[in-house]
N, C-alpha and C. Protein backbone atom coordinates (compact mmCIF):
# COMPACT_ATOMS: atom_id res chain seq x y z
N UNK A 1 6.71 -0.76 7.50
CA UNK A 1 6.84 0.46 6.56
C UNK A 1 7.98 1.24 6.90
N UNK A 2 8.75 1.33 7.81
CA UNK A 2 9.61 2.31 8.18
C UNK A 2 10.69 2.40 7.03
N UNK A 3 11.17 1.23 6.51
CA UNK A 3 12.13 1.21 5.39
C UNK A 3 11.84 2.29 4.25
N UNK A 4 10.39 2.47 3.77
CA UNK A 4 10.13 3.27 2.52
C UNK A 4 10.29 4.76 3.06
N UNK A 5 10.31 5.21 4.45
CA UNK A 5 10.56 6.47 5.01
C UNK A 5 12.07 6.96 4.68
N UNK A 6 12.67 5.70 5.05
CA UNK A 6 14.03 6.06 4.99
C UNK A 6 15.08 5.85 3.71
N UNK A 7 14.40 5.29 2.64
CA UNK A 7 15.07 5.19 1.34
C UNK A 7 15.29 6.52 0.86
N UNK A 8 16.19 6.33 -0.19
CA UNK A 8 16.30 7.69 -1.00
C UNK A 8 15.17 7.63 -1.90
N UNK A 9 14.32 9.07 -2.10
CA UNK A 9 13.42 9.23 -2.97
C UNK A 9 13.96 9.36 -4.37
N UNK A 10 13.49 8.64 -5.26
CA UNK A 10 13.91 8.75 -6.71
C UNK A 10 13.11 9.65 -7.55
N UNK A 11 11.89 10.11 -7.22
CA UNK A 11 11.03 10.81 -7.87
C UNK A 11 10.10 11.36 -6.96
N UNK A 12 9.77 12.53 -7.23
CA UNK A 12 8.69 13.24 -6.47
C UNK A 12 7.54 14.09 -7.02
N UNK A 13 6.58 13.77 -6.91
CA UNK A 13 5.63 14.74 -7.47
C UNK A 13 4.80 15.67 -6.51
N UNK A 14 5.26 17.10 -6.78
CA UNK A 14 5.13 18.03 -5.60
C UNK A 14 3.53 18.47 -5.60
N UNK A 15 3.21 19.27 -4.42
CA UNK A 15 1.82 19.57 -4.04
C UNK A 15 1.11 20.41 -5.21
N UNK A 16 1.63 21.16 -5.91
CA UNK A 16 1.21 21.95 -6.81
C UNK A 16 0.99 21.14 -8.25
N UNK A 17 1.57 19.78 -8.38
CA UNK A 17 1.66 19.00 -9.48
C UNK A 17 0.35 18.09 -9.67
N UNK A 18 -0.11 17.95 -11.07
CA UNK A 18 -1.19 17.27 -11.23
C UNK A 18 -0.58 16.05 -12.54
N UNK A 19 -0.98 14.85 -12.55
CA UNK A 19 -0.45 14.04 -13.40
C UNK A 19 -1.62 12.88 -13.71
N UNK A 20 -1.83 12.74 -14.94
CA UNK A 20 -2.68 11.71 -15.37
C UNK A 20 -1.90 10.42 -16.06
N UNK A 21 -2.09 9.34 -15.92
CA UNK A 21 -1.13 8.33 -16.73
C UNK A 21 -1.00 7.07 -16.05
N UNK A 22 0.07 6.44 -16.49
CA UNK A 22 0.64 5.37 -15.78
C UNK A 22 1.89 5.67 -15.31
N UNK A 23 2.32 5.21 -14.29
CA UNK A 23 3.66 5.49 -13.52
C UNK A 23 4.24 4.11 -12.95
N UNK A 24 5.33 3.72 -13.76
CA UNK A 24 6.17 2.43 -13.53
C UNK A 24 7.51 3.18 -13.20
N UNK A 25 7.96 2.33 -11.96
CA UNK A 25 9.20 2.97 -11.44
C UNK A 25 9.72 1.78 -10.65
N UNK A 26 11.18 1.96 -10.22
CA UNK A 26 12.02 1.16 -9.47
C UNK A 26 12.52 2.17 -8.12
N UNK A 27 12.83 1.57 -6.94
CA UNK A 27 13.17 2.34 -6.02
C UNK A 27 11.83 2.95 -5.16
N UNK A 28 12.11 4.19 -4.63
CA UNK A 28 10.95 4.78 -3.76
C UNK A 28 10.62 6.27 -4.54
N UNK A 29 9.32 6.19 -4.71
CA UNK A 29 8.85 7.48 -5.22
C UNK A 29 7.52 8.12 -4.19
N UNK A 30 7.54 9.35 -3.93
CA UNK A 30 6.82 10.08 -3.21
C UNK A 30 5.83 10.76 -4.13
N UNK A 31 4.42 10.88 -3.77
CA UNK A 31 3.61 11.58 -4.42
C UNK A 31 2.84 12.74 -3.33
N UNK A 32 2.78 13.89 -3.45
CA UNK A 32 2.42 14.85 -2.69
C UNK A 32 1.20 15.60 -3.47
N UNK A 33 1.31 15.57 -4.85
CA UNK A 33 0.24 16.30 -5.74
C UNK A 33 -0.90 15.55 -5.91
N UNK A 34 -1.52 15.57 -7.07
CA UNK A 34 -2.69 15.04 -7.67
C UNK A 34 -2.14 13.91 -8.67
N UNK A 35 -2.59 12.57 -8.58
CA UNK A 35 -2.46 11.74 -9.66
C UNK A 35 -3.63 10.99 -9.84
N UNK A 36 -3.62 10.64 -11.02
CA UNK A 36 -4.88 9.80 -11.54
C UNK A 36 -4.30 8.73 -12.44
N UNK A 37 -4.72 7.38 -12.38
CA UNK A 37 -4.38 6.53 -13.39
C UNK A 37 -4.01 5.31 -12.77
N UNK A 38 -2.74 4.77 -13.30
CA UNK A 38 -2.11 3.47 -12.77
C UNK A 38 -0.97 3.55 -12.20
N UNK A 39 -0.44 2.67 -11.12
CA UNK A 39 0.83 2.69 -10.41
C UNK A 39 1.20 1.40 -10.43
N UNK A 40 2.29 1.06 -11.17
CA UNK A 40 2.99 -0.22 -11.02
C UNK A 40 4.41 -0.22 -10.68
N UNK A 41 4.88 -1.05 -9.66
CA UNK A 41 6.11 -1.01 -9.11
C UNK A 41 6.36 -2.44 -8.03
N UNK A 42 7.39 -2.68 -7.93
CA UNK A 42 7.62 -3.89 -7.10
C UNK A 42 8.32 -3.38 -5.69
N UNK A 43 8.76 -1.87 -5.97
CA UNK A 43 9.25 -1.27 -4.66
C UNK A 43 8.27 -0.38 -3.93
N UNK A 44 8.76 0.74 -3.42
CA UNK A 44 8.21 1.56 -2.44
C UNK A 44 7.40 2.91 -2.98
N UNK A 45 5.99 3.17 -2.66
CA UNK A 45 5.38 4.55 -2.86
C UNK A 45 4.95 4.92 -1.73
N UNK A 46 5.12 6.48 -1.55
CA UNK A 46 4.63 6.95 -0.33
C UNK A 46 3.63 8.05 -0.83
N UNK A 47 2.34 8.25 -0.38
CA UNK A 47 1.47 8.91 -0.73
C UNK A 47 1.14 10.03 0.36
N UNK A 48 1.97 11.09 0.06
CA UNK A 48 2.18 12.08 1.16
C UNK A 48 0.89 12.72 1.76
N UNK A 49 0.92 13.40 2.96
CA UNK A 49 -0.38 13.93 3.54
C UNK A 49 -1.04 14.98 2.71
N UNK A 50 -0.72 15.61 1.83
CA UNK A 50 -1.51 16.48 0.83
C UNK A 50 -1.91 15.94 -0.26
N UNK A 51 -1.71 14.82 -0.74
CA UNK A 51 -1.59 14.13 -2.02
C UNK A 51 -3.27 13.66 -2.04
N UNK A 52 -3.67 13.74 -3.28
CA UNK A 52 -4.96 13.20 -3.92
C UNK A 52 -4.68 12.22 -4.96
N UNK A 53 -4.83 10.98 -4.59
CA UNK A 53 -4.52 9.89 -5.74
C UNK A 53 -5.66 9.00 -6.01
N UNK A 54 -6.15 8.75 -7.21
CA UNK A 54 -7.14 7.79 -7.83
C UNK A 54 -6.26 7.03 -8.72
N UNK A 55 -5.95 5.82 -8.19
CA UNK A 55 -5.33 4.88 -9.13
C UNK A 55 -5.51 3.51 -8.67
N UNK A 56 -5.36 2.54 -9.61
CA UNK A 56 -5.11 1.21 -9.23
C UNK A 56 -3.67 1.00 -9.25
N UNK A 57 -3.38 0.44 -7.91
CA UNK A 57 -1.73 0.45 -7.35
C UNK A 57 -1.45 -1.12 -7.26
N UNK A 58 -0.44 -1.44 -7.78
CA UNK A 58 0.30 -2.57 -7.70
C UNK A 58 1.44 -2.45 -7.14
N UNK A 59 2.33 -2.65 -6.01
CA UNK A 59 3.38 -2.26 -5.11
C UNK A 59 3.95 -3.25 -4.52
N UNK A 60 5.19 -2.93 -4.12
CA UNK A 60 5.93 -3.63 -3.08
C UNK A 60 5.31 -3.14 -1.66
N UNK A 61 5.51 -1.93 -1.38
CA UNK A 61 5.50 -1.47 -0.17
C UNK A 61 4.81 -0.14 -0.15
N UNK A 62 3.65 0.18 0.41
CA UNK A 62 2.71 1.54 0.29
C UNK A 62 2.48 2.15 1.60
N UNK A 63 3.00 3.45 1.68
CA UNK A 63 2.73 4.14 2.79
C UNK A 63 1.71 5.15 2.57
N UNK A 64 0.42 5.25 3.10
CA UNK A 64 -0.62 6.39 2.73
C UNK A 64 -0.50 7.17 3.84
N UNK A 65 -0.23 8.34 3.74
CA UNK A 65 -0.38 9.67 4.49
C UNK A 65 -1.48 10.48 4.23
N UNK A 66 -2.01 10.51 3.00
CA UNK A 66 -2.89 11.43 2.53
C UNK A 66 -4.17 10.57 1.94
N UNK A 67 -4.89 10.92 0.81
CA UNK A 67 -5.98 10.28 0.30
C UNK A 67 -5.78 9.44 -0.94
N UNK A 68 -6.23 8.28 -0.88
CA UNK A 68 -6.14 7.34 -1.96
C UNK A 68 -7.50 6.80 -2.28
N UNK A 69 -7.86 6.79 -3.41
CA UNK A 69 -9.19 6.15 -3.83
C UNK A 69 -8.78 5.19 -4.80
N UNK A 70 -8.99 3.83 -4.90
CA UNK A 70 -8.55 2.81 -5.80
C UNK A 70 -8.09 1.38 -5.11
N UNK A 71 -7.89 0.51 -5.80
CA UNK A 71 -7.49 -0.85 -5.26
C UNK A 71 -6.16 -0.71 -5.21
N UNK A 72 -5.71 -1.53 -4.11
CA UNK A 72 -4.07 -1.99 -3.77
C UNK A 72 -3.83 -3.25 -3.98
N UNK A 73 -2.81 -3.74 -4.65
CA UNK A 73 -2.32 -4.91 -4.37
C UNK A 73 -0.73 -4.77 -4.18
N UNK A 74 -0.17 -5.13 -2.81
CA UNK A 74 0.91 -4.97 -2.21
C UNK A 74 1.60 -6.43 -2.00
N UNK A 75 2.55 -6.39 -2.41
CA UNK A 75 3.45 -7.84 -2.14
C UNK A 75 4.13 -7.84 -0.87
N UNK A 76 4.33 -6.79 -0.21
CA UNK A 76 5.07 -6.54 0.98
C UNK A 76 4.29 -5.97 2.27
N UNK A 77 3.86 -4.88 2.11
CA UNK A 77 2.85 -4.19 3.38
C UNK A 77 2.24 -3.15 2.77
N UNK A 78 1.23 -2.85 3.38
CA UNK A 78 0.62 -1.40 3.44
C UNK A 78 0.47 -1.02 4.80
N UNK A 79 0.80 0.42 4.87
CA UNK A 79 0.75 1.37 5.98
C UNK A 79 -0.06 2.38 6.08
N UNK A 80 -1.22 2.63 6.76
CA UNK A 80 -1.87 3.76 6.60
C UNK A 80 -1.52 4.55 7.83
N UNK A 81 -1.15 5.73 7.68
CA UNK A 81 -0.85 6.65 8.86
C UNK A 81 -2.27 7.16 9.50
N UNK A 82 -2.03 7.98 10.38
CA UNK A 82 -3.20 8.41 11.35
C UNK A 82 -3.97 9.38 10.37
N UNK A 83 -3.48 10.10 9.50
CA UNK A 83 -4.10 11.05 8.74
C UNK A 83 -4.45 10.40 7.29
N UNK A 84 -4.01 9.27 7.27
CA UNK A 84 -4.29 8.47 5.81
C UNK A 84 -5.78 8.04 5.61
N UNK A 85 -6.03 7.92 4.36
CA UNK A 85 -7.46 7.50 4.01
C UNK A 85 -7.20 6.68 2.66
N UNK A 86 -7.94 5.39 2.82
CA UNK A 86 -8.14 4.67 1.53
C UNK A 86 -9.47 4.13 1.42
N UNK A 87 -9.83 4.44 0.26
CA UNK A 87 -11.37 4.13 -0.33
C UNK A 87 -11.06 2.99 -1.40
N UNK A 88 -11.06 2.03 -1.18
CA UNK A 88 -11.02 0.72 -2.11
C UNK A 88 -10.43 -0.33 -1.45
N UNK A 89 -10.41 -1.54 -1.95
CA UNK A 89 -9.75 -2.86 -1.74
C UNK A 89 -8.21 -2.81 -1.37
N UNK A 90 -7.78 -3.70 -0.43
CA UNK A 90 -6.55 -3.82 -0.29
C UNK A 90 -6.36 -5.15 -0.28
N UNK A 91 -5.18 -5.81 -0.97
CA UNK A 91 -4.62 -7.15 -0.72
C UNK A 91 -3.24 -6.90 -0.54
N UNK A 92 -2.87 -7.45 0.57
CA UNK A 92 -1.46 -7.62 1.24
C UNK A 92 -1.30 -8.57 2.37
N UNK A 93 -0.04 -9.02 2.36
CA UNK A 93 0.34 -9.95 3.31
C UNK A 93 0.54 -9.35 4.94
N UNK A 94 0.79 -7.99 4.92
CA UNK A 94 0.82 -7.06 6.01
C UNK A 94 0.15 -5.95 5.91
N UNK A 95 -0.61 -5.45 6.98
CA UNK A 95 -1.58 -4.27 7.05
C UNK A 95 -1.22 -3.67 8.31
N UNK A 96 -0.74 -2.15 8.45
CA UNK A 96 -0.78 -1.44 9.47
C UNK A 96 -1.66 -0.27 9.41
N UNK A 97 -2.57 -0.20 10.62
CA UNK A 97 -3.53 0.94 10.18
C UNK A 97 -3.32 1.67 11.60
N UNK A 98 -2.70 2.94 11.58
CA UNK A 98 -2.82 3.85 12.84
C UNK A 98 -4.10 4.19 13.06
N UNK A 99 -4.05 4.63 14.57
CA UNK A 99 -5.47 5.09 15.20
C UNK A 99 -5.77 6.51 14.23
N UNK A 100 -7.04 6.71 13.92
CA UNK A 100 -7.32 7.73 13.21
C UNK A 100 -7.29 7.60 11.53
N UNK A 101 -6.74 6.53 11.17
CA UNK A 101 -6.59 6.46 9.70
C UNK A 101 -8.03 5.75 9.35
N UNK A 102 -8.05 5.96 7.94
CA UNK A 102 -9.56 5.21 7.55
C UNK A 102 -9.32 4.37 6.22
N UNK A 103 -10.10 3.52 6.41
CA UNK A 103 -10.05 2.43 5.33
C UNK A 103 -11.55 1.84 5.09
N UNK A 104 -12.03 2.30 3.96
CA UNK A 104 -13.40 1.97 3.39
C UNK A 104 -13.24 1.11 2.40
N UNK A 105 -13.52 -0.34 2.70
CA UNK A 105 -13.20 -1.25 1.20
C UNK A 105 -12.94 -2.51 2.05
N UNK A 106 -12.67 -3.47 1.25
CA UNK A 106 -12.44 -4.85 1.53
C UNK A 106 -10.97 -4.93 1.79
N UNK A 107 -10.58 -5.82 2.55
CA UNK A 107 -9.14 -6.23 3.00
C UNK A 107 -9.23 -7.75 2.61
N UNK A 108 -7.89 -8.18 2.03
CA UNK A 108 -7.78 -9.57 1.82
C UNK A 108 -6.07 -9.93 2.24
N UNK A 109 -6.25 -10.38 3.21
CA UNK A 109 -4.78 -10.70 4.02
C UNK A 109 -4.00 -11.93 3.17
N UNK A 110 -3.11 -11.72 2.48
CA UNK A 110 -2.35 -12.57 1.66
C UNK A 110 -1.12 -13.50 2.63
N UNK A 111 -1.05 -14.83 2.13
CA UNK A 111 0.04 -15.40 2.42
C UNK A 111 1.22 -14.97 1.84
N UNK A 112 2.48 -15.37 2.38
CA UNK A 112 3.72 -15.10 1.52
C UNK A 112 3.69 -15.67 0.06
N UNK A 113 3.14 -16.79 -0.09
CA UNK A 113 3.29 -17.48 -1.27
C UNK A 113 2.12 -16.35 -2.36
N UNK A 114 0.83 -16.25 -1.74
CA UNK A 114 0.09 -15.57 -2.55
C UNK A 114 0.58 -14.33 -2.94
N UNK A 115 1.28 -13.45 -2.17
CA UNK A 115 1.71 -12.25 -2.39
C UNK A 115 2.91 -12.25 -3.29
N UNK A 116 3.63 -13.35 -3.40
CA UNK A 116 4.94 -13.57 -4.47
C UNK A 116 4.17 -13.94 -5.87
N UNK A 117 2.92 -14.44 -5.84
CA UNK A 117 2.22 -15.01 -7.07
C UNK A 117 1.65 -13.75 -7.56
N UNK A 118 1.74 -12.56 -7.00
CA UNK A 118 1.06 -11.45 -7.67
C UNK A 118 1.99 -10.83 -8.89
N UNK A 119 3.31 -11.23 -8.68
CA UNK A 119 4.51 -11.07 -9.64
C UNK A 119 4.11 -9.66 -10.08
N UNK A 120 4.56 -8.48 -9.33
CA UNK A 120 4.67 -7.04 -9.69
C UNK A 120 5.26 -6.98 -11.01
N UNK A 121 4.86 -5.81 -11.76
CA UNK A 121 5.59 -5.72 -13.06
C UNK A 121 6.99 -5.29 -12.75
N UNK A 122 7.95 -5.51 -13.90
CA UNK A 122 9.27 -5.25 -13.70
C UNK A 122 9.52 -3.80 -13.59
N UNK A 123 10.49 -3.41 -12.97
CA UNK A 123 10.86 -2.13 -12.76
C UNK A 123 11.89 -1.47 -13.78
N UNK A 124 12.23 -2.06 -14.75
CA UNK A 124 13.45 -1.77 -15.42
C UNK A 124 13.02 -1.20 -16.90
N UNK A 125 11.90 -0.52 -16.91
CA UNK A 125 11.32 0.12 -18.10
C UNK A 125 12.36 1.27 -18.66
N UNK A 126 12.58 1.28 -19.72
CA UNK A 126 13.33 2.21 -20.27
C UNK A 126 14.88 1.79 -20.30
N UNK A 127 15.31 0.81 -19.78
CA UNK A 127 16.54 0.36 -19.73
C UNK A 127 16.77 -0.82 -21.04
N UNK A 128 17.94 -0.84 -21.33
CA UNK A 128 18.23 -1.74 -22.62
C UNK A 128 17.66 -2.99 -22.17
N UNK A 129 16.89 -3.73 -23.00
CA UNK A 129 16.41 -4.97 -22.56
C UNK A 129 15.32 -5.15 -21.71
N UNK A 130 14.93 -3.98 -21.29
CA UNK A 130 13.72 -3.81 -20.21
C UNK A 130 12.48 -4.21 -20.98
N UNK A 131 11.75 -4.49 -19.96
CA UNK A 131 10.21 -4.95 -20.52
C UNK A 131 9.37 -3.74 -20.72
N UNK A 132 9.62 -2.56 -20.22
CA UNK A 132 8.62 -1.44 -20.54
C UNK A 132 7.53 -1.54 -19.49
N UNK A 133 7.63 -2.09 -18.52
CA UNK A 133 6.67 -2.20 -17.41
C UNK A 133 5.50 -3.36 -17.61
N UNK A 134 5.73 -4.19 -18.62
CA UNK A 134 4.68 -5.13 -18.90
C UNK A 134 5.09 -6.57 -18.36
N UNK A 135 4.22 -7.23 -17.92
CA UNK A 135 4.62 -8.74 -17.52
C UNK A 135 3.81 -9.61 -17.95
N UNK A 136 3.84 -11.04 -18.47
CA UNK A 136 2.72 -11.85 -18.65
C UNK A 136 1.83 -12.26 -17.66
N UNK A 137 0.69 -12.70 -17.95
CA UNK A 137 -0.24 -12.79 -16.99
C UNK A 137 0.37 -13.89 -15.98
N UNK A 138 -0.10 -13.82 -14.75
CA UNK A 138 0.15 -14.79 -13.70
C UNK A 138 -0.42 -15.97 -14.09
N UNK A 139 0.48 -17.25 -13.44
CA UNK A 139 0.11 -18.46 -13.76
C UNK A 139 -0.94 -18.78 -12.81
N UNK A 140 -1.88 -19.83 -13.02
CA UNK A 140 -3.06 -20.21 -12.16
C UNK A 140 -2.41 -20.70 -11.01
N UNK A 141 -3.21 -20.64 -9.78
CA UNK A 141 -2.84 -21.05 -8.47
C UNK A 141 -2.40 -22.57 -8.40
N UNK A 142 -1.53 -23.09 -7.50
CA UNK A 142 -1.41 -24.53 -7.61
C UNK A 142 -0.11 -24.86 -8.65
N UNK A 143 0.27 -24.01 -9.56
CA UNK A 143 1.11 -24.21 -10.53
C UNK A 143 0.77 -25.11 -11.78
N UNK A 144 -0.53 -25.24 -11.94
CA UNK A 144 -0.89 -25.62 -13.30
C UNK A 144 -0.60 -24.66 -14.28
N UNK A 145 -0.11 -25.24 -15.34
CA UNK A 145 0.11 -24.35 -16.61
C UNK A 145 1.64 -23.89 -16.54
N UNK A 146 2.40 -24.20 -15.62
CA UNK A 146 3.78 -23.83 -15.57
C UNK A 146 4.45 -25.04 -16.15
N UNK A 147 5.58 -24.34 -16.94
CA UNK A 147 6.44 -25.18 -17.58
C UNK A 147 7.51 -25.82 -16.45
N UNK A 148 7.70 -27.15 -16.23
CA UNK A 148 8.43 -27.47 -15.24
C UNK A 148 10.01 -28.05 -15.89
N UNK A 149 10.07 -27.73 -16.95
CA UNK A 149 11.44 -28.30 -17.55
C UNK A 149 12.41 -27.27 -17.54
């Protein structure tokens, strides 16, 4: 998870800020305020130490330093820092939990193929020809129903 901490932060929700809705983005975003809703990205999300997040999260890499209530689907990694707390289910191929961190919920460790099949939403919303953050439903496991031509 060290990569997310070193990336340039493209958006920031400050401590005294509250937001309700859907957040779709590319790059690294940090939340230090209150957020409620849904977050979709194939990139990095940092939930800061003073944050209060209630959300369904689909992400590439997640770093939790504050409080998160909701389910997480991560295609790369979830890291819960010592002061971090997740109340909800986590599905990821890699999970790091520091001493003192809290995880109350189920964990599903994914293989690389399972994580890739989660197919997180496109992050080119708002760009010409962009998808607006929506993706078609994932194909069934095992390749059934996929066009091989």
